[in-house]
Amino acid sequence: MEGSILQAERFPDDATQIATRMEDIQLVLDSLKQWNQEEFFNGIFNTNKIGVIGHSLGGATVFHLAATDKRVNCAILLDASLHVVDNKMPQVPTLNIRQEASSYIEYLNAIKDEEDNGTSEDVAKGYIEKQTEMYERLPAGSSFIKVKGAKHLSFSTIGRLISDIPSDVTATIEELIIVFLEEVLKEKQGFYSSIMNGKNRPIHAVDIDGAGLPITNP
């Protein structure tokens, strides 16, 4: 009420949060077979077609999950915290969607503040190093996109509530997710590439390489 800020004395580190979130998701995956047998769900879950989506640290979580849980068929990373993931690499198609500040310099400028002590440089460097490794090692069917006009919170429901995010930016993110899932999980071969190379391509989507630099300028 007085406008003061309270800081928690103990807060889980990134690795702990990722491990806990992975356990949460795996509990859901473990339960799908049982839920399918219940009258309410009546077999609606296709446990052979599982995609996972995560934003920020949640993106790092689904990166780890896709790399270690064979039930996962694809992963979508929404401006994921790539600087905190380990060396295990998903072997399923992965859609890596980034904010507009996707290169090292752009990203560093986006996260750096006046009192920065070098942490931002470490984060940006780790981010780009992992993204470059992903670009080189992820399997066929993976895609790297940045969304013009998007910031980190553009991918979050909370971000949409507390900031003014253009509707066309939101629409681009949603369209990318849908067309990727249509191809990978619904097995519409070539659907994603046909949309991305056609007149219905999401308006703010830009193909990028591992360094976060544009490959084309639609």
C-alpha atoms as a PDB file:
ATOM      1  CA  MET A   1       0.000   0.000   0.000  1.00  0.00           C
ATOM      2  CA  GLU A   2       2.910   2.351   0.687  1.00  0.00           C
ATOM      3  CA  GLY A   3       4.495   1.523  -2.651  1.00  0.00           C
ATOM      4  CA  SER A   4       7.354  -0.469  -1.128  1.00  0.00           C
ATOM      5  CA  ILE A   5       9.026  -3.408  -2.844  1.00  0.00           C
ATOM      6  CA  LEU A   6       9.494  -6.704  -1.027  1.00  0.00           C
ATOM      7  CA  GLN A   7      12.336  -8.974  -2.131  1.00  0.00           C
ATOM      8  CA  ALA A   8      12.092 -12.685  -1.382  1.00  0.00           C
ATOM      9  CA  GLU A   9      15.041 -13.920   0.649  1.00  0.00           C
ATOM     10  CA  ARG A  10      15.083 -17.240  -1.165  1.00  0.00           C
ATOM     11  CA  PHE A  11      14.115 -17.794  -4.777  1.00  0.00           C
ATOM     12  CA  PRO A  12      14.837 -20.937  -6.831  1.00  0.00           C
ATOM     13  CA  ASP A  13      17.679 -20.616  -9.311  1.00  0.00           C
ATOM     14  CA  ASP A  14      17.077 -21.209 -13.019  1.00  0.00           C
ATOM     15  CA  ALA A  15      18.162 -24.854 -12.963  1.00  0.00           C
ATOM     16  CA  THR A  16      15.800 -25.620 -10.085  1.00  0.00           C
ATOM     17  CA  GLN A  17      12.891 -23.892 -11.776  1.00  0.00           C
ATOM     18  CA  ILE A  18      13.523 -25.739 -15.033  1.00  0.00           C
ATOM     19  CA  ALA A  19      13.706 -29.101 -13.256  1.00  0.00           C
ATOM     20  CA  THR A  20      10.473 -28.396 -11.348  1.00  0.00           C
ATOM     21  CA  ARG A  21       8.630 -27.296 -14.472  1.00  0.00           C
ATOM     22  CA  MET A  22       9.819 -30.374 -16.358  1.00  0.00           C
ATOM     23  CA  GLU A  23       8.418 -32.552 -13.587  1.00  0.00           C
ATOM     24  CA  ASP A  24       5.096 -30.703 -13.842  1.00  0.00           C
ATOM     25  CA  ILE A  25       4.871 -31.287 -17.598  1.00  0.00           C
ATOM     26  CA  GLN A  26       5.916 -34.912 -17.300  1.00  0.00           C
ATOM     27  CA  LEU A  27       3.204 -35.460 -14.680  1.00  0.00           C
ATOM     28  CA  VAL A  28       0.670 -34.249 -17.246  1.00  0.00           C
ATOM     29  CA  LEU A  29       2.128 -36.535 -19.932  1.00  0.00           C
ATOM     30  CA  ASP A  30       2.054 -39.453 -17.512  1.00  0.00           C
ATOM     31  CA  SER A  31      -1.635 -38.765 -16.833  1.00  0.00           C
ATOM     32  CA  LEU A  32      -2.854 -38.528 -20.432  1.00  0.00           C
ATOM     33  CA  LYS A  33      -3.466 -42.258 -20.849  1.00  0.00           C
ATOM     34  CA  GLN A  34      -5.562 -42.380 -17.677  1.00  0.00           C
ATOM     35  CA  TRP A  35      -7.482 -39.233 -18.612  1.00  0.00           C
ATOM     36  CA  ASN A  36      -8.276 -40.698 -22.024  1.00  0.00           C
ATOM     37  CA  GLN A  37     -10.145 -43.490 -20.270  1.00  0.00           C
ATOM     38  CA  GLU A  38     -12.356 -41.099 -18.320  1.00  0.00           C
ATOM     39  CA  GLU A  39     -15.796 -40.206 -19.625  1.00  0.00           C
ATOM     40  CA  PHE A  40     -15.135 -36.455 -19.515  1.00  0.00           C
ATOM     41  CA  PHE A  41     -12.215 -36.657 -21.996  1.00  0.00           C
ATOM     42  CA  ASN A  42     -13.360 -39.807 -23.815  1.00  0.00           C
ATOM     43  CA  GLY A  43     -10.082 -40.483 -25.632  1.00  0.00           C
ATOM     44  CA  ILE A  44      -9.511 -37.000 -27.104  1.00  0.00           C
ATOM     45  CA  PHE A  45      -5.759 -36.980 -26.451  1.00  0.00           C
ATOM     46  CA  ASN A  46      -3.475 -38.370 -29.149  1.00  0.00           C
ATOM     47  CA  THR A  47      -0.448 -39.362 -27.099  1.00  0.00           C
ATOM     48  CA  ASN A  48       1.538 -40.031 -30.272  1.00  0.00           C
ATOM     49  CA  LYS A  49       1.283 -36.366 -31.332  1.00  0.00           C
ATOM     50  CA  ILE A  50       2.668 -34.242 -28.506  1.00  0.00           C
ATOM     51  CA  GLY A  51       4.045 -30.737 -28.945  1.00  0.00           C
ATOM     52  CA  VAL A  52       5.387 -28.527 -26.162  1.00  0.00           C
ATOM     53  CA  ILE A  53       5.464 -24.721 -26.126  1.00  0.00           C
ATOM     54  CA  GLY A  54       7.247 -22.451 -23.672  1.00  0.00           C
ATOM     55  CA  HIS A  55       8.129 -18.783 -23.248  1.00  0.00           C
ATOM     56  CA  SER A  56      11.305 -17.411 -21.637  1.00  0.00           C
ATOM     57  CA  LEU A  57      12.396 -19.820 -18.880  1.00  0.00           C
ATOM     58  CA  GLY A  58       9.455 -21.971 -19.957  1.00  0.00           C
ATOM     59  CA  GLY A  59      11.106 -22.127 -23.376  1.00  0.00           C
ATOM     60  CA  ALA A  60      14.292 -23.413 -21.761  1.00  0.00           C
ATOM     61  CA  THR A  61      12.131 -25.980 -19.965  1.00  0.00           C
ATOM     62  CA  VAL A  62      10.558 -27.374 -23.129  1.00  0.00           C
ATOM     63  CA  PHE A  63      13.998 -27.345 -24.808  1.00  0.00           C
ATOM     64  CA  HIS A  64      15.252 -29.686 -22.065  1.00  0.00           C
ATOM     65  CA  LEU A  65      12.071 -31.759 -22.198  1.00  0.00           C
ATOM     66  CA  ALA A  66      12.244 -32.189 -25.971  1.00  0.00           C
ATOM     67  CA  ALA A  67      15.877 -33.275 -25.634  1.00  0.00           C
ATOM     68  CA  THR A  68      15.200 -35.916 -22.986  1.00  0.00           C
ATOM     69  CA  ASP A  69      11.593 -37.154 -23.229  1.00  0.00           C
ATOM     70  CA  LYS A  70      10.877 -39.356 -26.245  1.00  0.00           C
ATOM     71  CA  ARG A  71       7.136 -38.705 -25.991  1.00  0.00           C
ATOM     72  CA  VAL A  72       7.651 -35.161 -27.322  1.00  0.00           C
ATOM     73  CA  ASN A  73       7.252 -34.844 -31.103  1.00  0.00           C
ATOM     74  CA  CYS A  74       8.062 -31.152 -31.524  1.00  0.00           C
ATOM     75  CA  ALA A  75       8.960 -28.045 -29.538  1.00  0.00           C
ATOM     76  CA  ILE A  76       8.161 -24.348 -29.929  1.00  0.00           C
ATOM     77  CA  LEU A  77      10.443 -21.863 -28.152  1.00  0.00           C
ATOM     78  CA  LEU A  78       8.989 -18.390 -27.598  1.00  0.00           C
ATOM     79  CA  ASP A  79      11.992 -16.111 -26.991  1.00  0.00           C
ATOM     80  CA  ALA A  80      13.372 -18.874 -24.795  1.00  0.00           C
ATOM     81  CA  SER A  81      16.142 -18.366 -22.218  1.00  0.00           C
ATOM     82  CA  LEU A  82      18.681 -20.260 -24.296  1.00  0.00           C
ATOM     83  CA  HIS A  83      21.621 -19.109 -22.176  1.00  0.00           C
ATOM     84  CA  VAL A  84      20.586 -21.485 -19.367  1.00  0.00           C
ATOM     85  CA  VAL A  85      20.116 -24.705 -21.371  1.00  0.00           C
ATOM     86  CA  ASP A  86      22.690 -27.488 -21.337  1.00  0.00           C
ATOM     87  CA  ASN A  87      24.390 -29.404 -24.155  1.00  0.00           C
ATOM     88  CA  LYS A  88      21.629 -31.922 -24.838  1.00  0.00           C
ATOM     89  CA  MET A  89      20.000 -31.149 -28.176  1.00  0.00           C
ATOM     90  CA  PRO A  90      16.383 -31.973 -29.148  1.00  0.00           C
ATOM     91  CA  GLN A  91      16.120 -34.423 -32.020  1.00  0.00           C
ATOM     92  CA  VAL A  92      12.609 -33.326 -32.972  1.00  0.00           C
ATOM     93  CA  PRO A  93      11.507 -30.431 -35.214  1.00  0.00           C
ATOM     94  CA  THR A  94      11.847 -27.188 -33.259  1.00  0.00           C
ATOM     95  CA  LEU A  95      10.459 -23.738 -34.005  1.00  0.00           C
ATOM     96  CA  ASN A  96      12.637 -21.036 -32.450  1.00  0.00           C
ATOM     97  CA  ILE A  97      10.746 -17.718 -32.454  1.00  0.00           C
ATOM     98  CA  ARG A  98      12.652 -14.663 -31.290  1.00  0.00           C
ATOM     99  CA  GLN A  99      11.849 -11.069 -30.472  1.00  0.00           C
ATOM    100  CA  GLU A 100      12.973  -8.485 -33.011  1.00  0.00           C
ATOM    101  CA  ALA A 101      16.264  -7.947 -31.132  1.00  0.00           C
ATOM    102  CA  SER A 102      17.630 -11.313 -32.222  1.00  0.00           C
ATOM    103  CA  SER A 103      21.317 -10.670 -32.956  1.00  0.00           C
ATOM    104  CA  TYR A 104      24.006 -10.335 -30.267  1.00  0.00           C
ATOM    105  CA  ILE A 105      24.235  -6.520 -30.376  1.00  0.00           C
ATOM    106  CA  GLU A 106      20.470  -6.030 -30.654  1.00  0.00           C
ATOM    107  CA  TYR A 107      19.750  -8.402 -27.806  1.00  0.00           C
ATOM    108  CA  LEU A 108      22.475  -6.943 -25.609  1.00  0.00           C
ATOM    109  CA  ASN A 109      21.068  -3.440 -26.094  1.00  0.00           C
ATOM    110  CA  ALA A 110      17.580  -4.717 -25.280  1.00  0.00           C
ATOM    111  CA  ILE A 111      18.535  -6.269 -21.926  1.00  0.00           C
ATOM    112  CA  LYS A 112      21.329  -3.975 -20.739  1.00  0.00           C
ATOM    113  CA  ASP A 113      20.637  -1.250 -18.179  1.00  0.00           C
ATOM    114  CA  GLU A 114      22.657   1.654 -16.800  1.00  0.00           C
ATOM    115  CA  GLU A 115      23.866  -0.276 -13.752  1.00  0.00           C
ATOM    116  CA  ASP A 116      24.828  -3.395 -15.684  1.00  0.00           C
ATOM    117  CA  ASN A 117      27.975  -5.077 -14.341  1.00  0.00           C
ATOM    118  CA  GLY A 118      28.710  -7.330 -17.285  1.00  0.00           C
ATOM    119  CA  THR A 119      25.922  -9.813 -16.674  1.00  0.00           C
ATOM    120  CA  SER A 120      24.067  -8.767 -19.815  1.00  0.00           C
ATOM    121  CA  GLU A 121      27.111  -9.439 -21.987  1.00  0.00           C
ATOM    122  CA  ASP A 122      27.363 -12.953 -20.544  1.00  0.00           C
ATOM    123  CA  VAL A 123      23.656 -13.600 -21.096  1.00  0.00           C
ATOM    124  CA  ALA A 124      23.697 -12.299 -24.681  1.00  0.00           C
ATOM    125  CA  LYS A 125      26.849 -14.242 -25.522  1.00  0.00           C
ATOM    126  CA  GLY A 126      25.477 -17.469 -24.046  1.00  0.00           C
ATOM    127  CA  TYR A 127      22.197 -16.945 -25.864  1.00  0.00           C
ATOM    128  CA  ILE A 128      23.772 -16.526 -29.286  1.00  0.00           C
ATOM    129  CA  GLU A 129      26.230 -19.375 -28.761  1.00  0.00           C
ATOM    130  CA  LYS A 130      23.405 -21.798 -27.989  1.00  0.00           C
ATOM    131  CA  GLN A 131      21.245 -20.479 -30.832  1.00  0.00           C
ATOM    132  CA  THR A 132      24.139 -20.961 -33.258  1.00  0.00           C
ATOM    133  CA  GLU A 133      24.617 -24.523 -32.011  1.00  0.00           C
ATOM    134  CA  MET A 134      20.910 -25.183 -32.429  1.00  0.00           C
ATOM    135  CA  TYR A 135      20.968 -23.814 -35.960  1.00  0.00           C
ATOM    136  CA  GLU A 136      23.756 -26.241 -36.837  1.00  0.00           C
ATOM    137  CA  ARG A 137      22.487 -29.323 -35.007  1.00  0.00           C
ATOM    138  CA  LEU A 138      18.682 -29.336 -34.854  1.00  0.00           C
ATOM    139  CA  PRO A 139      17.023 -31.849 -37.205  1.00  0.00           C
ATOM    140  CA  ALA A 140      15.299 -31.133 -40.494  1.00  0.00           C
ATOM    141  CA  GLY A 141      11.975 -29.400 -40.142  1.00  0.00           C
ATOM    142  CA  SER A 142      13.268 -26.908 -37.577  1.00  0.00           C
ATOM    143  CA  SER A 143      12.879 -23.192 -38.206  1.00  0.00           C
ATOM    144  CA  PHE A 144      14.368 -19.935 -36.865  1.00  0.00           C
ATOM    145  CA  ILE A 145      12.205 -16.812 -37.031  1.00  0.00           C
ATOM    146  CA  LYS A 146      12.251 -13.358 -35.495  1.00  0.00           C
ATOM    147  CA  VAL A 147       9.105 -11.264 -35.273  1.00  0.00           C
ATOM    148  CA  LYS A 148       9.444  -7.609 -36.225  1.00  0.00           C
ATOM    149  CA  GLY A 149       7.983  -5.364 -33.539  1.00  0.00           C
ATOM    150  CA  ALA A 150       8.052  -8.076 -30.872  1.00  0.00           C
ATOM    151  CA  LYS A 151       9.703  -7.698 -27.478  1.00  0.00           C
ATOM    152  CA  HIS A 152      10.249 -10.344 -24.831  1.00  0.00           C
ATOM    153  CA  LEU A 153       6.825  -9.874 -23.217  1.00  0.00           C
ATOM    154  CA  SER A 154       5.047  -9.874 -26.573  1.00  0.00           C
ATOM    155  CA  PHE A 155       4.903 -13.668 -26.238  1.00  0.00           C
ATOM    156  CA  SER A 156       3.278 -13.595 -22.811  1.00  0.00           C
ATOM    157  CA  THR A 157      -0.372 -13.188 -21.882  1.00  0.00           C
ATOM    158  CA  ILE A 158       0.750 -11.088 -18.922  1.00  0.00           C
ATOM    159  CA  GLY A 159       2.782  -8.899 -21.277  1.00  0.00           C
ATOM    160  CA  ARG A 160      -0.286  -8.232 -23.350  1.00  0.00           C
ATOM    161  CA  LEU A 161      -2.156  -7.084 -20.263  1.00  0.00           C
ATOM    162  CA  ILE A 162       0.459  -4.629 -19.026  1.00  0.00           C
ATOM    163  CA  SER A 163       1.799  -3.201 -22.289  1.00  0.00           C
ATOM    164  CA  ASP A 164       0.524  -2.074 -25.661  1.00  0.00           C
ATOM    165  CA  ILE A 165       1.404  -4.871 -28.086  1.00  0.00           C
ATOM    166  CA  PRO A 166       0.252  -4.352 -31.693  1.00  0.00           C
ATOM    167  CA  SER A 167      -2.368  -6.884 -32.733  1.00  0.00           C
ATOM    168  CA  ASP A 168      -0.480  -7.727 -35.936  1.00  0.00           C
ATOM    169  CA  VAL A 169       2.561  -8.756 -33.876  1.00  0.00           C
ATOM    170  CA  THR A 170       0.375 -11.045 -31.766  1.00  0.00           C
ATOM    171  CA  ALA A 171      -1.267 -12.422 -34.909  1.00  0.00           C
ATOM    172  CA  THR A 172       2.127 -13.226 -36.459  1.00  0.00           C
ATOM    173  CA  ILE A 173       3.206 -15.200 -33.383  1.00  0.00           C
ATOM    174  CA  GLU A 174      -0.062 -17.130 -33.301  1.00  0.00           C
ATOM    175  CA  GLU A 175       0.040 -17.898 -37.034  1.00  0.00           C
ATOM    176  CA  LEU A 176       3.612 -19.207 -36.837  1.00  0.00           C
ATOM    177  CA  ILE A 177       2.655 -21.571 -34.016  1.00  0.00           C
ATOM    178  CA  ILE A 178      -0.431 -22.849 -35.826  1.00  0.00           C
ATOM    179  CA  VAL A 179       1.156 -23.537 -39.211  1.00  0.00           C
ATOM    180  CA  PHE A 180       4.157 -25.268 -37.592  1.00  0.00           C
ATOM    181  CA  LEU A 181       1.897 -27.560 -35.571  1.00  0.00           C
ATOM    182  CA  GLU A 182      -0.277 -28.214 -38.612  1.00  0.00           C
ATOM    183  CA  GLU A 183       2.712 -29.616 -40.487  1.00  0.00           C
ATOM    184  CA  VAL A 184       4.503 -31.475 -37.702  1.00  0.00           C
ATOM    185  CA  LEU A 185       1.625 -32.896 -35.657  1.00  0.00           C
ATOM    186  CA  LYS A 186      -1.091 -33.139 -38.314  1.00  0.00           C
ATOM    187  CA  GLU A 187       1.482 -34.355 -40.850  1.00  0.00           C
ATOM    188  CA  LYS A 188       0.557 -31.845 -43.548  1.00  0.00           C
ATOM    189  CA  GLN A 189       3.807 -32.275 -45.432  1.00  0.00           C
ATOM    190  CA  GLY A 190       5.161 -29.006 -46.819  1.00  0.00           C
ATOM    191  CA  PHE A 191       2.395 -26.934 -45.217  1.00  0.00           C
ATOM    192  CA  TYR A 192       4.716 -24.762 -43.127  1.00  0.00           C
ATOM    193  CA  SER A 193       7.088 -24.002 -46.001  1.00  0.00           C
ATOM    194  CA  SER A 194       4.199 -23.297 -48.375  1.00  0.00           C
ATOM    195  CA  ILE A 195       2.795 -20.704 -45.988  1.00  0.00           C
ATOM    196  CA  MET A 196       6.198 -19.169 -45.239  1.00  0.00           C
ATOM    197  CA  ASN A 197       7.040 -18.916 -48.943  1.00  0.00           C
ATOM    198  CA  GLY A 198       3.595 -17.801 -50.083  1.00  0.00           C
ATOM    199  CA  LYS A 199       1.393 -14.729 -50.074  1.00  0.00           C
ATOM    200  CA  ASN A 200      -0.150 -15.720 -46.716  1.00  0.00           C
ATOM    201  CA  ARG A 201       3.169 -15.602 -44.880  1.00  0.00           C
ATOM    202  CA  PRO A 202       2.758 -14.023 -41.401  1.00  0.00           C
ATOM    203  CA  ILE A 203       3.431 -10.339 -41.986  1.00  0.00           C
ATOM    204  CA  HIS A 204       6.159  -9.729 -39.390  1.00  0.00           C
ATOM    205  CA  ALA A 205       8.020 -13.039 -39.667  1.00  0.00           C
ATOM    206  CA  VAL A 206      11.686 -12.849 -40.734  1.00  0.00           C
ATOM    207  CA  ASP A 207      13.901 -15.911 -41.273  1.00  0.00           C
ATOM    208  CA  ILE A 208      17.126 -15.710 -39.257  1.00  0.00           C
ATOM    209  CA  ASP A 209      20.304 -17.738 -38.950  1.00  0.00           C
ATOM    210  CA  GLY A 210      21.998 -18.935 -35.771  1.00  0.00           C
ATOM    211  CA  ALA A 211      23.485 -15.504 -35.155  1.00  0.00           C
ATOM    212  CA  GLY A 212      19.999 -13.990 -35.256  1.00  0.00           C
ATOM    213  CA  LEU A 213      20.680 -12.189 -38.536  1.00  0.00           C
ATOM    214  CA  PRO A 214      18.037 -12.051 -41.292  1.00  0.00           C
ATOM    215  CA  ILE A 215      18.396 -14.546 -44.126  1.00  0.00           C
ATOM    216  CA  THR A 216      15.685 -12.925 -46.203  1.00  0.00           C
ATOM    217  CA  ASN A 217      13.698  -9.718 -45.973  1.00  0.00           C
ATOM    218  CA  PRO A 218      10.116 -10.541 -46.940  1.00  0.00           C
END
